[in-house]
Amino acid sequence: MAQLKKDWTPNPQAFRQFLNWLDEGVDSNGERYLEMRRRLGRYFDRRNCSSPGDLADETLNRVARKLEEKGEIVGATPAHYCYIVAKFVFLEFGRRSEHNQTSLDDNPGASRVMAGLAVPSQPDDDTLAKEKLFDCLERCLGKLQSEDREMILDYYRGEQRAKIERRSNLAARLGLTMNALSIRACRLRSKLEICVSACAQRK
């Protein structure tokens, strides 16, 4: 498999192309995407990965990148291809000498969002890099509309059962289904990833 560009997130057009590819001609309104993410999360969780959700996102980003580069993916169903890529992501995760990456589920508030952003890392200067990323995240959060900013922070706040209940309450408050809330959060996170990545490269 060709080396995929790291720290890439889909733009709206690439994300829509990816959703259409997953749907295989039948519009699921994002259901296939959410189901694939859940399945990949379980795949990594069964292998005792510390941040299965983050690795699932990484897998889906890589597949979306490949689809944008090639225009099409043939020779495997969308689910099968996603699992092929997931295997490579898992092998890379296993080769890393350090597994102390922060998961979205490990820290409260904005640090949860920052942890999952696909931004350039600087392993030789971790502290400085993290400070820069938090500064960029604060700026990018400030660019969001207040309701979007509150929603994305609320979405990642809490621990396990409390987080699930908070998301359920958040969906009810916004008049959304849980799936619609997840899709909205995913789009906001993608927007933040692009903003933070651009900010980090300028600094």
N, C-alpha and C. Protein backbone atom coordinates (compact mmCIF):
# COMPACT_ATOMS: atom_id res chain seq x y z
N MET A 1 0.84 -1.19 0.00
CA MET A 1 0.00 0.00 0.00
C MET A 1 0.88 1.25 0.00
N ALA A 2 0.56 2.17 -0.86
CA ALA A 2 1.36 3.40 -0.94
C ALA A 2 1.25 4.17 0.36
N GLN A 3 2.32 4.87 0.69
CA GLN A 3 2.33 5.67 1.92
C GLN A 3 1.31 6.80 1.79
N LEU A 4 0.43 6.89 2.75
CA LEU A 4 -0.58 7.93 2.74
C LEU A 4 -0.07 9.15 3.47
N LYS A 5 -0.48 10.31 3.00
CA LYS A 5 -0.04 11.54 3.62
C LYS A 5 -0.60 11.63 5.03
N LYS A 6 0.28 11.87 5.99
CA LYS A 6 -0.15 11.96 7.38
C LYS A 6 -0.78 13.32 7.67
N ASP A 7 -1.53 13.37 8.77
CA ASP A 7 -2.10 14.62 9.25
C ASP A 7 -3.00 15.29 8.22
N TRP A 8 -3.75 14.48 7.49
CA TRP A 8 -4.66 14.99 6.48
C TRP A 8 -6.09 14.81 6.96
N THR A 9 -6.94 15.78 6.71
CA THR A 9 -8.35 15.65 7.02
C THR A 9 -9.14 16.04 5.78
N PRO A 10 -10.28 15.38 5.55
CA PRO A 10 -11.04 15.65 4.32
C PRO A 10 -11.71 17.01 4.34
N ASN A 11 -11.67 17.69 3.18
CA ASN A 11 -12.46 18.90 3.05
C ASN A 11 -13.91 18.47 2.81
N PRO A 12 -14.86 19.41 2.83
CA PRO A 12 -16.27 19.01 2.68
C PRO A 12 -16.55 18.18 1.43
N GLN A 13 -15.91 18.52 0.32
CA GLN A 13 -16.13 17.77 -0.92
C GLN A 13 -15.60 16.35 -0.80
N ALA A 14 -14.40 16.20 -0.24
CA ALA A 14 -13.81 14.87 -0.07
C ALA A 14 -14.62 14.05 0.93
N PHE A 15 -15.14 14.70 1.97
CA PHE A 15 -15.94 14.00 2.97
C PHE A 15 -17.24 13.49 2.35
N ARG A 16 -17.86 14.32 1.51
CA ARG A 16 -19.09 13.90 0.84
C ARG A 16 -18.81 12.75 -0.12
N GLN A 17 -17.69 12.82 -0.84
CA GLN A 17 -17.30 11.72 -1.73
C GLN A 17 -17.12 10.43 -0.93
N PHE A 18 -16.50 10.55 0.24
CA PHE A 18 -16.25 9.40 1.09
C PHE A 18 -17.58 8.80 1.58
N LEU A 19 -18.51 9.66 2.01
CA LEU A 19 -19.81 9.18 2.47
C LEU A 19 -20.54 8.44 1.34
N ASN A 20 -20.50 9.00 0.13
CA ASN A 20 -21.16 8.37 -1.01
C ASN A 20 -20.55 7.01 -1.31
N TRP A 21 -19.23 6.91 -1.19
CA TRP A 21 -18.54 5.64 -1.44
C TRP A 21 -18.94 4.59 -0.41
N LEU A 22 -19.02 5.00 0.85
CA LEU A 22 -19.44 4.08 1.91
C LEU A 22 -20.88 3.61 1.70
N ASP A 23 -21.73 4.51 1.20
CA ASP A 23 -23.15 4.20 1.01
C ASP A 23 -23.40 3.25 -0.15
N GLU A 24 -22.44 3.11 -1.05
CA GLU A 24 -22.56 2.21 -2.21
C GLU A 24 -23.85 2.46 -2.99
N GLY A 25 -24.13 3.73 -3.23
CA GLY A 25 -25.26 4.09 -4.08
C GLY A 25 -26.58 4.29 -3.37
N VAL A 26 -26.62 4.00 -2.07
CA VAL A 26 -27.86 4.18 -1.30
C VAL A 26 -27.58 5.17 -0.18
N ASP A 27 -28.21 6.35 -0.25
CA ASP A 27 -27.95 7.40 0.74
C ASP A 27 -28.43 6.96 2.12
N SER A 28 -27.49 6.79 3.05
CA SER A 28 -27.83 6.38 4.41
C SER A 28 -27.89 7.55 5.37
N ASN A 29 -27.69 8.76 4.85
CA ASN A 29 -27.71 9.97 5.68
C ASN A 29 -26.65 9.91 6.79
N GLY A 30 -25.49 9.33 6.45
CA GLY A 30 -24.39 9.26 7.39
C GLY A 30 -24.38 8.02 8.27
N GLU A 31 -25.42 7.18 8.17
CA GLU A 31 -25.51 5.99 9.03
C GLU A 31 -24.36 5.02 8.77
N ARG A 32 -24.02 4.80 7.50
CA ARG A 32 -22.95 3.86 7.17
C ARG A 32 -21.62 4.34 7.77
N TYR A 33 -21.39 5.63 7.71
CA TYR A 33 -20.15 6.19 8.26
C TYR A 33 -20.07 5.92 9.76
N LEU A 34 -21.16 6.22 10.48
CA LEU A 34 -21.17 6.04 11.92
C LEU A 34 -21.02 4.57 12.29
N GLU A 35 -21.68 3.69 11.54
CA GLU A 35 -21.56 2.27 11.82
C GLU A 35 -20.15 1.77 11.56
N MET A 36 -19.53 2.24 10.47
CA MET A 36 -18.16 1.84 10.16
C MET A 36 -17.22 2.33 11.25
N ARG A 37 -17.43 3.53 11.75
CA ARG A 37 -16.56 4.05 12.81
C ARG A 37 -16.72 3.22 14.08
N ARG A 38 -17.98 2.85 14.41
CA ARG A 38 -18.20 2.01 15.59
C ARG A 38 -17.51 0.65 15.43
N ARG A 39 -17.63 0.06 14.26
CA ARG A 39 -17.02 -1.25 14.03
C ARG A 39 -15.51 -1.19 14.12
N LEU A 40 -14.93 -0.13 13.56
CA LEU A 40 -13.48 0.03 13.64
C LEU A 40 -13.04 0.28 15.08
N GLY A 41 -13.84 1.05 15.81
CA GLY A 41 -13.52 1.28 17.22
C GLY A 41 -13.49 -0.03 18.00
N ARG A 42 -14.45 -0.90 17.73
CA ARG A 42 -14.47 -2.21 18.39
C ARG A 42 -13.28 -3.07 17.96
N TYR A 43 -12.90 -2.94 16.68
CA TYR A 43 -11.75 -3.69 16.15
C TYR A 43 -10.49 -3.32 16.94
N PHE A 44 -10.25 -2.03 17.13
CA PHE A 44 -9.06 -1.59 17.87
C PHE A 44 -9.19 -1.88 19.36
N ASP A 45 -10.41 -1.77 19.89
CA ASP A 45 -10.62 -2.04 21.31
C ASP A 45 -10.31 -3.50 21.63
N ARG A 46 -10.71 -4.41 20.75
CA ARG A 46 -10.43 -5.83 20.97
C ARG A 46 -8.94 -6.12 20.97
N ARG A 47 -8.17 -5.24 20.35
CA ARG A 47 -6.71 -5.42 20.31
C ARG A 47 -6.01 -4.60 21.38
N ASN A 48 -6.81 -4.16 22.36
CA ASN A 48 -6.28 -3.47 23.55
C ASN A 48 -5.55 -2.17 23.22
N CYS A 49 -5.98 -1.48 22.18
CA CYS A 49 -5.40 -0.18 21.87
C CYS A 49 -5.92 0.85 22.87
N SER A 50 -5.06 1.78 23.26
CA SER A 50 -5.42 2.73 24.30
C SER A 50 -6.43 3.77 23.84
N SER A 51 -6.50 4.03 22.54
CA SER A 51 -7.42 5.06 22.02
C SER A 51 -8.10 4.55 20.76
N PRO A 52 -9.00 3.57 20.89
CA PRO A 52 -9.64 2.97 19.71
C PRO A 52 -10.40 3.96 18.85
N GLY A 53 -11.04 4.95 19.48
CA GLY A 53 -11.78 5.94 18.71
C GLY A 53 -10.87 6.77 17.82
N ASP A 54 -9.71 7.16 18.37
CA ASP A 54 -8.76 7.95 17.59
C ASP A 54 -8.21 7.14 16.42
N LEU A 55 -7.93 5.86 16.65
CA LEU A 55 -7.40 5.01 15.58
C LEU A 55 -8.46 4.75 14.52
N ALA A 56 -9.72 4.66 14.93
CA ALA A 56 -10.81 4.52 13.95
C ALA A 56 -10.88 5.76 13.06
N ASP A 57 -10.76 6.94 13.68
CA ASP A 57 -10.76 8.19 12.90
C ASP A 57 -9.57 8.24 11.94
N GLU A 58 -8.41 7.82 12.43
CA GLU A 58 -7.21 7.80 11.59
C GLU A 58 -7.42 6.89 10.38
N THR A 59 -8.02 5.73 10.62
CA THR A 59 -8.29 4.78 9.53
C THR A 59 -9.21 5.40 8.49
N LEU A 60 -10.31 5.99 8.95
CA LEU A 60 -11.27 6.58 8.02
C LEU A 60 -10.67 7.75 7.26
N ASN A 61 -9.82 8.54 7.92
CA ASN A 61 -9.14 9.64 7.23
C ASN A 61 -8.24 9.12 6.12
N ARG A 62 -7.54 8.02 6.40
CA ARG A 62 -6.63 7.47 5.39
C ARG A 62 -7.40 6.93 4.19
N VAL A 63 -8.52 6.29 4.47
CA VAL A 63 -9.33 5.77 3.37
C VAL A 63 -9.88 6.92 2.53
N ALA A 64 -10.36 7.96 3.21
CA ALA A 64 -10.89 9.13 2.49
C ALA A 64 -9.80 9.78 1.65
N ARG A 65 -8.59 9.84 2.18
CA ARG A 65 -7.46 10.41 1.45
C ARG A 65 -7.17 9.59 0.19
N LYS A 66 -7.14 8.27 0.33
CA LYS A 66 -6.88 7.40 -0.81
C LYS A 66 -7.97 7.56 -1.87
N LEU A 67 -9.21 7.66 -1.42
CA LEU A 67 -10.32 7.83 -2.35
C LEU A 67 -10.20 9.14 -3.10
N GLU A 68 -9.80 10.21 -2.40
CA GLU A 68 -9.64 11.50 -3.07
C GLU A 68 -8.50 11.45 -4.07
N GLU A 69 -7.42 10.75 -3.72
CA GLU A 69 -6.26 10.67 -4.61
C GLU A 69 -6.58 9.86 -5.87
N LYS A 70 -7.24 8.73 -5.68
CA LYS A 70 -7.47 7.80 -6.79
C LYS A 70 -8.78 8.04 -7.52
N GLY A 71 -9.74 8.68 -6.85
CA GLY A 71 -11.04 8.89 -7.48
C GLY A 71 -11.99 7.72 -7.29
N GLU A 72 -11.44 6.53 -7.12
CA GLU A 72 -12.24 5.34 -6.85
C GLU A 72 -11.37 4.29 -6.19
N ILE A 73 -12.02 3.36 -5.50
CA ILE A 73 -11.33 2.23 -4.89
C ILE A 73 -12.04 0.97 -5.36
N VAL A 74 -11.32 0.11 -6.05
CA VAL A 74 -11.93 -1.10 -6.61
C VAL A 74 -11.24 -2.33 -6.03
N GLY A 75 -11.91 -3.46 -6.18
CA GLY A 75 -11.31 -4.72 -5.74
C GLY A 75 -11.69 -5.13 -4.33
N ALA A 76 -12.43 -4.30 -3.62
CA ALA A 76 -12.87 -4.64 -2.26
C ALA A 76 -14.09 -3.81 -1.92
N THR A 77 -14.96 -4.37 -1.09
CA THR A 77 -16.10 -3.59 -0.62
C THR A 77 -15.60 -2.49 0.31
N PRO A 78 -16.38 -1.43 0.52
CA PRO A 78 -15.93 -0.37 1.43
C PRO A 78 -15.54 -0.90 2.81
N ALA A 79 -16.36 -1.79 3.38
CA ALA A 79 -16.05 -2.33 4.72
C ALA A 79 -14.75 -3.11 4.70
N HIS A 80 -14.58 -3.96 3.69
CA HIS A 80 -13.37 -4.77 3.60
C HIS A 80 -12.14 -3.88 3.45
N TYR A 81 -12.23 -2.85 2.62
CA TYR A 81 -11.08 -1.97 2.41
C TYR A 81 -10.74 -1.21 3.70
N CYS A 82 -11.78 -0.78 4.43
CA CYS A 82 -11.54 -0.07 5.69
C CYS A 82 -10.79 -0.97 6.68
N TYR A 83 -11.13 -2.25 6.71
CA TYR A 83 -10.45 -3.16 7.61
C TYR A 83 -9.01 -3.43 7.17
N ILE A 84 -8.78 -3.43 5.85
CA ILE A 84 -7.41 -3.59 5.36
C ILE A 84 -6.55 -2.43 5.86
N VAL A 85 -7.08 -1.21 5.73
CA VAL A 85 -6.35 -0.03 6.20
C VAL A 85 -6.20 -0.06 7.71
N ALA A 86 -7.25 -0.51 8.42
CA ALA A 86 -7.20 -0.59 9.88
C ALA A 86 -6.06 -1.51 10.33
N LYS A 87 -5.83 -2.58 9.58
CA LYS A 87 -4.75 -3.50 9.93
C LYS A 87 -3.40 -2.79 9.87
N PHE A 88 -3.20 -1.96 8.85
CA PHE A 88 -1.94 -1.21 8.73
C PHE A 88 -1.81 -0.19 9.85
N VAL A 89 -2.93 0.47 10.17
CA VAL A 89 -2.91 1.45 11.26
C VAL A 89 -2.55 0.75 12.58
N PHE A 90 -3.12 -0.43 12.81
CA PHE A 90 -2.83 -1.19 14.03
C PHE A 90 -1.36 -1.60 14.09
N LEU A 91 -0.81 -2.04 12.95
CA LEU A 91 0.59 -2.44 12.93
C LEU A 91 1.50 -1.25 13.21
N GLU A 92 1.16 -0.08 12.68
CA GLU A 92 1.94 1.12 12.95
C GLU A 92 1.85 1.48 14.44
N PHE A 93 0.64 1.37 14.99
CA PHE A 93 0.45 1.67 16.41
C PHE A 93 1.31 0.74 17.27
N GLY A 94 1.37 -0.53 16.89
CA GLY A 94 2.15 -1.50 17.65
C GLY A 94 3.64 -1.25 17.57
N ARG A 95 4.09 -0.60 16.49
CA ARG A 95 5.53 -0.35 16.33
C ARG A 95 5.99 0.90 17.06
N ARG A 96 5.06 1.71 17.49
CA ARG A 96 5.46 2.95 18.16
C ARG A 96 6.12 2.63 19.50
N SER A 97 7.21 3.29 19.75
CA SER A 97 7.94 3.02 21.00
C SER A 97 7.23 3.62 22.20
N GLU A 98 6.41 4.67 21.97
CA GLU A 98 5.70 5.30 23.07
C GLU A 98 4.22 5.27 22.76
N HIS A 99 3.42 4.91 23.76
CA HIS A 99 1.98 4.84 23.59
C HIS A 99 1.29 5.82 24.55
N ASN A 100 1.93 6.95 24.76
CA ASN A 100 1.37 7.91 25.71
C ASN A 100 0.61 9.02 25.01
N GLN A 101 0.10 8.75 23.81
CA GLN A 101 -0.70 9.75 23.11
C GLN A 101 -1.98 10.01 23.89
N THR A 102 -2.41 11.23 23.93
CA THR A 102 -3.61 11.56 24.66
C THR A 102 -4.83 11.21 23.83
N SER A 103 -5.77 10.49 24.43
CA SER A 103 -7.00 10.13 23.75
C SER A 103 -8.07 11.18 24.01
N LEU A 104 -9.04 11.27 23.12
CA LEU A 104 -10.15 12.18 23.33
C LEU A 104 -10.92 11.83 24.60
N ASP A 105 -10.80 10.58 25.06
CA ASP A 105 -11.56 10.15 26.22
C ASP A 105 -10.79 10.31 27.52
N ASP A 106 -9.59 10.89 27.49
CA ASP A 106 -8.76 10.93 28.68
C ASP A 106 -8.76 12.25 29.42
N ASN A 107 -9.08 13.35 28.75
CA ASN A 107 -8.98 14.67 29.38
C ASN A 107 -10.23 15.48 29.15
N PRO A 108 -10.56 16.38 30.08
CA PRO A 108 -11.79 17.16 29.98
C PRO A 108 -11.66 18.33 29.02
N GLY A 109 -12.84 18.87 28.64
CA GLY A 109 -12.91 20.13 27.92
C GLY A 109 -12.14 20.17 26.62
N ALA A 110 -11.47 21.28 26.41
CA ALA A 110 -10.77 21.52 25.15
C ALA A 110 -9.65 20.52 24.90
N SER A 111 -9.02 20.01 25.97
CA SER A 111 -7.93 19.06 25.77
C SER A 111 -8.44 17.78 25.10
N ARG A 112 -9.70 17.43 25.28
CA ARG A 112 -10.29 16.28 24.60
C ARG A 112 -10.30 16.52 23.09
N VAL A 113 -10.71 17.73 22.70
CA VAL A 113 -10.78 18.04 21.29
C VAL A 113 -9.38 18.07 20.69
N MET A 114 -8.44 18.73 21.38
CA MET A 114 -7.07 18.84 20.89
C MET A 114 -6.44 17.48 20.67
N ALA A 115 -6.73 16.56 21.56
CA ALA A 115 -6.09 15.24 21.50
C ALA A 115 -6.37 14.52 20.21
N GLY A 116 -7.54 14.74 19.63
CA GLY A 116 -7.89 14.00 18.42
C GLY A 116 -7.61 14.75 17.14
N LEU A 117 -7.11 15.98 17.22
CA LEU A 117 -6.88 16.74 16.01
C LEU A 117 -5.70 16.20 15.23
N ALA A 118 -5.88 16.11 13.92
CA ALA A 118 -4.81 15.62 13.06
C ALA A 118 -3.91 16.79 12.70
N VAL A 119 -2.91 17.04 13.53
CA VAL A 119 -2.01 18.17 13.34
C VAL A 119 -0.57 17.66 13.36
N PRO A 120 0.35 18.40 12.74
CA PRO A 120 1.74 17.95 12.71
C PRO A 120 2.30 17.81 14.12
N SER A 121 2.95 16.70 14.42
CA SER A 121 3.55 16.50 15.73
C SER A 121 5.03 16.81 15.70
N GLN A 122 5.58 17.15 16.85
CA GLN A 122 6.99 17.44 16.96
C GLN A 122 7.53 16.66 18.15
N PRO A 123 7.83 15.37 17.97
CA PRO A 123 8.21 14.51 19.09
C PRO A 123 9.45 14.96 19.83
N ASP A 124 10.33 15.76 19.17
CA ASP A 124 11.55 16.19 19.82
C ASP A 124 11.34 17.40 20.73
N ASP A 125 10.19 17.99 20.64
CA ASP A 125 9.92 19.18 21.45
C ASP A 125 8.45 19.15 21.87
N ASP A 126 8.07 18.09 22.58
CA ASP A 126 6.67 17.81 22.90
C ASP A 126 5.98 18.94 23.63
N THR A 127 6.62 19.47 24.65
CA THR A 127 5.97 20.49 25.48
C THR A 127 5.66 21.74 24.67
N LEU A 128 6.63 22.21 23.92
CA LEU A 128 6.44 23.39 23.09
C LEU A 128 5.37 23.15 22.03
N ALA A 129 5.40 21.95 21.44
CA ALA A 129 4.42 21.62 20.40
C ALA A 129 3.02 21.62 20.98
N LYS A 130 2.85 21.02 22.16
CA LYS A 130 1.52 20.97 22.78
C LYS A 130 1.02 22.36 23.13
N GLU A 131 1.91 23.20 23.63
CA GLU A 131 1.51 24.57 23.96
C GLU A 131 1.04 25.30 22.70
N LYS A 132 1.77 25.08 21.61
CA LYS A 132 1.41 25.73 20.35
C LYS A 132 0.05 25.24 19.86
N LEU A 133 -0.18 23.92 19.99
CA LEU A 133 -1.44 23.36 19.53
C LEU A 133 -2.62 23.86 20.37
N PHE A 134 -2.43 23.96 21.69
CA PHE A 134 -3.50 24.48 22.53
C PHE A 134 -3.80 25.93 22.19
N ASP A 135 -2.75 26.71 21.90
CA ASP A 135 -2.93 28.10 21.51
C ASP A 135 -3.73 28.17 20.21
N CYS A 136 -3.36 27.32 19.25
CA CYS A 136 -4.07 27.29 17.97
C CYS A 136 -5.51 26.84 18.16
N LEU A 137 -5.70 25.83 19.01
CA LEU A 137 -7.05 25.33 19.25
C LEU A 137 -7.92 26.43 19.86
N GLU A 138 -7.35 27.17 20.81
CA GLU A 138 -8.11 28.25 21.43
C GLU A 138 -8.54 29.29 20.39
N ARG A 139 -7.62 29.61 19.49
CA ARG A 139 -7.94 30.58 18.44
C ARG A 139 -9.03 30.05 17.51
N CYS A 140 -8.90 28.76 17.13
CA CYS A 140 -9.86 28.17 16.19
C CYS A 140 -11.23 28.00 16.83
N LEU A 141 -11.26 27.64 18.12
CA LEU A 141 -12.54 27.55 18.82
C LEU A 141 -13.21 28.93 18.86
N GLY A 142 -12.38 29.97 19.01
CA GLY A 142 -12.92 31.32 19.06
C GLY A 142 -13.54 31.77 17.76
N LYS A 143 -13.17 31.12 16.66
CA LYS A 143 -13.72 31.46 15.34
C LYS A 143 -15.07 30.80 15.10
N LEU A 144 -15.39 29.77 15.90
CA LEU A 144 -16.68 29.10 15.73
C LEU A 144 -17.80 29.95 16.29
N GLN A 145 -19.01 29.74 15.78
CA GLN A 145 -20.16 30.38 16.39
C GLN A 145 -20.31 29.83 17.81
N SER A 146 -20.81 30.65 18.70
CA SER A 146 -20.85 30.28 20.12
C SER A 146 -21.57 28.96 20.36
N GLU A 147 -22.68 28.71 19.63
CA GLU A 147 -23.42 27.47 19.85
C GLU A 147 -22.63 26.25 19.36
N ASP A 148 -21.85 26.43 18.27
CA ASP A 148 -21.02 25.33 17.79
C ASP A 148 -19.87 25.06 18.75
N ARG A 149 -19.28 26.13 19.28
CA ARG A 149 -18.18 25.98 20.23
C ARG A 149 -18.65 25.25 21.49
N GLU A 150 -19.78 25.66 22.03
CA GLU A 150 -20.31 25.00 23.22
C GLU A 150 -20.67 23.55 22.94
N MET A 151 -21.20 23.28 21.73
CA MET A 151 -21.61 21.93 21.40
C MET A 151 -20.42 20.98 21.31
N ILE A 152 -19.34 21.39 20.64
CA ILE A 152 -18.20 20.50 20.45
C ILE A 152 -17.48 20.25 21.78
N LEU A 153 -17.44 21.24 22.65
CA LEU A 153 -16.81 21.04 23.96
C LEU A 153 -17.68 20.15 24.85
N ASP A 154 -18.99 20.36 24.80
CA ASP A 154 -19.89 19.51 25.57
C ASP A 154 -19.85 18.07 25.07
N TYR A 155 -19.69 17.92 23.76
CA TYR A 155 -19.72 16.58 23.15
C TYR A 155 -18.60 15.70 23.69
N TYR A 156 -17.42 16.29 23.95
CA TYR A 156 -16.27 15.51 24.41
C TYR A 156 -16.06 15.57 25.92
N ARG A 157 -16.99 16.18 26.64
CA ARG A 157 -16.83 16.30 28.09
C ARG A 157 -17.43 15.09 28.79
N GLY A 158 -16.83 14.70 29.91
CA GLY A 158 -17.37 13.60 30.70
C GLY A 158 -16.59 12.31 30.53
N GLU A 159 -16.91 11.33 31.33
CA GLU A 159 -16.23 10.04 31.31
C GLU A 159 -17.23 8.92 31.09
N GLN A 160 -17.02 8.10 30.11
CA GLN A 160 -17.77 6.88 29.86
C GLN A 160 -19.28 7.09 30.00
N ARG A 161 -19.90 6.53 31.05
CA ARG A 161 -21.35 6.61 31.20
C ARG A 161 -21.83 8.05 31.26
N ALA A 162 -21.10 8.89 31.99
CA ALA A 162 -21.49 10.30 32.10
C ALA A 162 -21.44 10.98 30.74
N LYS A 163 -20.44 10.60 29.93
CA LYS A 163 -20.32 11.19 28.60
C LYS A 163 -21.49 10.78 27.71
N ILE A 164 -21.88 9.52 27.80
CA ILE A 164 -23.00 9.03 27.01
C ILE A 164 -24.28 9.77 27.39
N GLU A 165 -24.50 9.93 28.69
CA GLU A 165 -25.69 10.63 29.16
C GLU A 165 -25.66 12.11 28.75
N ARG A 166 -24.45 12.71 28.82
CA ARG A 166 -24.33 14.12 28.44
C ARG A 166 -24.66 14.29 26.95
N ARG A 167 -24.17 13.38 26.13
CA ARG A 167 -24.45 13.47 24.69
C ARG A 167 -25.93 13.27 24.39
N SER A 168 -26.55 12.37 25.13
CA SER A 168 -27.99 12.16 24.96
C SER A 168 -28.76 13.42 25.32
N ASN A 169 -28.38 14.05 26.42
CA ASN A 169 -29.03 15.30 26.83
C ASN A 169 -28.75 16.42 25.84
N LEU A 170 -27.53 16.44 25.31
CA LEU A 170 -27.16 17.46 24.34
C LEU A 170 -27.99 17.31 23.07
N ALA A 171 -28.16 16.07 22.61
CA ALA A 171 -28.96 15.82 21.41
C ALA A 171 -30.41 16.26 21.63
N ALA A 172 -30.95 15.94 22.81
CA ALA A 172 -32.33 16.32 23.12
C ALA A 172 -32.47 17.84 23.15
N ARG A 173 -31.49 18.50 23.75
CA ARG A 173 -31.53 19.96 23.86
C ARG A 173 -31.49 20.63 22.49
N LEU A 174 -30.74 20.02 21.57
CA LEU A 174 -30.59 20.59 20.23
C LEU A 174 -31.67 20.08 19.27
N GLY A 175 -32.50 19.16 19.74
CA GLY A 175 -33.54 18.62 18.88
C GLY A 175 -32.99 17.72 17.80
N LEU A 176 -31.89 16.98 18.09
CA LEU A 176 -31.25 16.11 17.13
C LEU A 176 -31.29 14.66 17.59
N THR A 177 -31.21 13.73 16.63
CA THR A 177 -31.00 12.35 16.99
C THR A 177 -29.54 12.18 17.39
N MET A 178 -29.21 11.07 18.04
CA MET A 178 -27.82 10.82 18.41
C MET A 178 -26.94 10.73 17.17
N ASN A 179 -27.45 10.10 16.11
CA ASN A 179 -26.66 9.99 14.89
C ASN A 179 -26.41 11.35 14.25
N ALA A 180 -27.45 12.18 14.23
CA ALA A 180 -27.30 13.52 13.67
C ALA A 180 -26.31 14.34 14.49
N LEU A 181 -26.35 14.17 15.81
CA LEU A 181 -25.39 14.87 16.68
C LEU A 181 -23.97 14.41 16.38
N SER A 182 -23.77 13.11 16.21
CA SER A 182 -22.44 12.57 15.92
C SER A 182 -21.90 13.11 14.60
N ILE A 183 -22.75 13.18 13.59
CA ILE A 183 -22.32 13.70 12.29
C ILE A 183 -21.96 15.18 12.41
N ARG A 184 -22.78 15.93 13.13
CA ARG A 184 -22.49 17.36 13.31
C ARG A 184 -21.17 17.56 14.05
N ALA A 185 -20.94 16.75 15.10
CA ALA A 185 -19.69 16.84 15.85
C ALA A 185 -18.51 16.47 14.98
N CYS A 186 -18.68 15.45 14.13
CA CYS A 186 -17.60 15.03 13.24
C CYS A 186 -17.23 16.15 12.28
N ARG A 187 -18.23 16.84 11.74
CA ARG A 187 -17.97 17.93 10.80
C ARG A 187 -17.29 19.11 11.49
N LEU A 188 -17.72 19.40 12.72
CA LEU A 188 -17.08 20.48 13.47
C LEU A 188 -15.63 20.12 13.80
N ARG A 189 -15.42 18.88 14.18
CA ARG A 189 -14.06 18.46 14.50
C ARG A 189 -13.17 18.54 13.26
N SER A 190 -13.70 18.14 12.10
CA SER A 190 -12.93 18.22 10.86
C SER A 190 -12.58 19.68 10.55
N LYS A 191 -13.53 20.58 10.80
CA LYS A 191 -13.29 22.02 10.58
C LYS A 191 -12.19 22.51 11.51
N LEU A 192 -12.23 22.06 12.77
CA LEU A 192 -11.20 22.46 13.72
C LEU A 192 -9.84 21.89 13.34
N GLU A 193 -9.81 20.65 12.87
CA GLU A 193 -8.56 20.03 12.47
C GLU A 193 -7.87 20.84 11.37
N ILE A 194 -8.65 21.24 10.38
CA ILE A 194 -8.10 22.02 9.26
C ILE A 194 -7.56 23.35 9.77
N CYS A 195 -8.34 24.01 10.65
CA CYS A 195 -7.95 25.32 11.18
C CYS A 195 -6.69 25.21 12.03
N VAL A 196 -6.65 24.22 12.94
CA VAL A 196 -5.50 24.06 13.83
C VAL A 196 -4.25 23.68 13.04
N SER A 197 -4.41 22.80 12.05
CA SER A 197 -3.27 22.40 11.22
C SER A 197 -2.68 23.61 10.49
N ALA A 198 -3.55 24.44 9.91
CA ALA A 198 -3.08 25.63 9.21
C ALA A 198 -2.40 26.60 10.17
N CYS A 199 -2.98 26.77 11.35
CA CYS A 199 -2.41 27.66 12.37
C CYS A 199 -1.04 27.16 12.80
N ALA A 200 -0.90 25.87 13.06
CA ALA A 200 0.35 25.30 13.53
C ALA A 200 1.46 25.45 12.50
N GLN A 201 1.10 25.35 11.24
CA GLN A 201 2.11 25.46 10.18
C GLN A 201 2.57 26.89 9.98
N ARG A 202 1.69 27.85 10.35
CA ARG A 202 2.07 29.27 10.21
C ARG A 202 2.99 29.71 11.33
N LYS A 203 2.87 29.08 12.49
CA LYS A 203 3.64 29.53 13.68
C LYS A 203 5.11 29.14 13.58
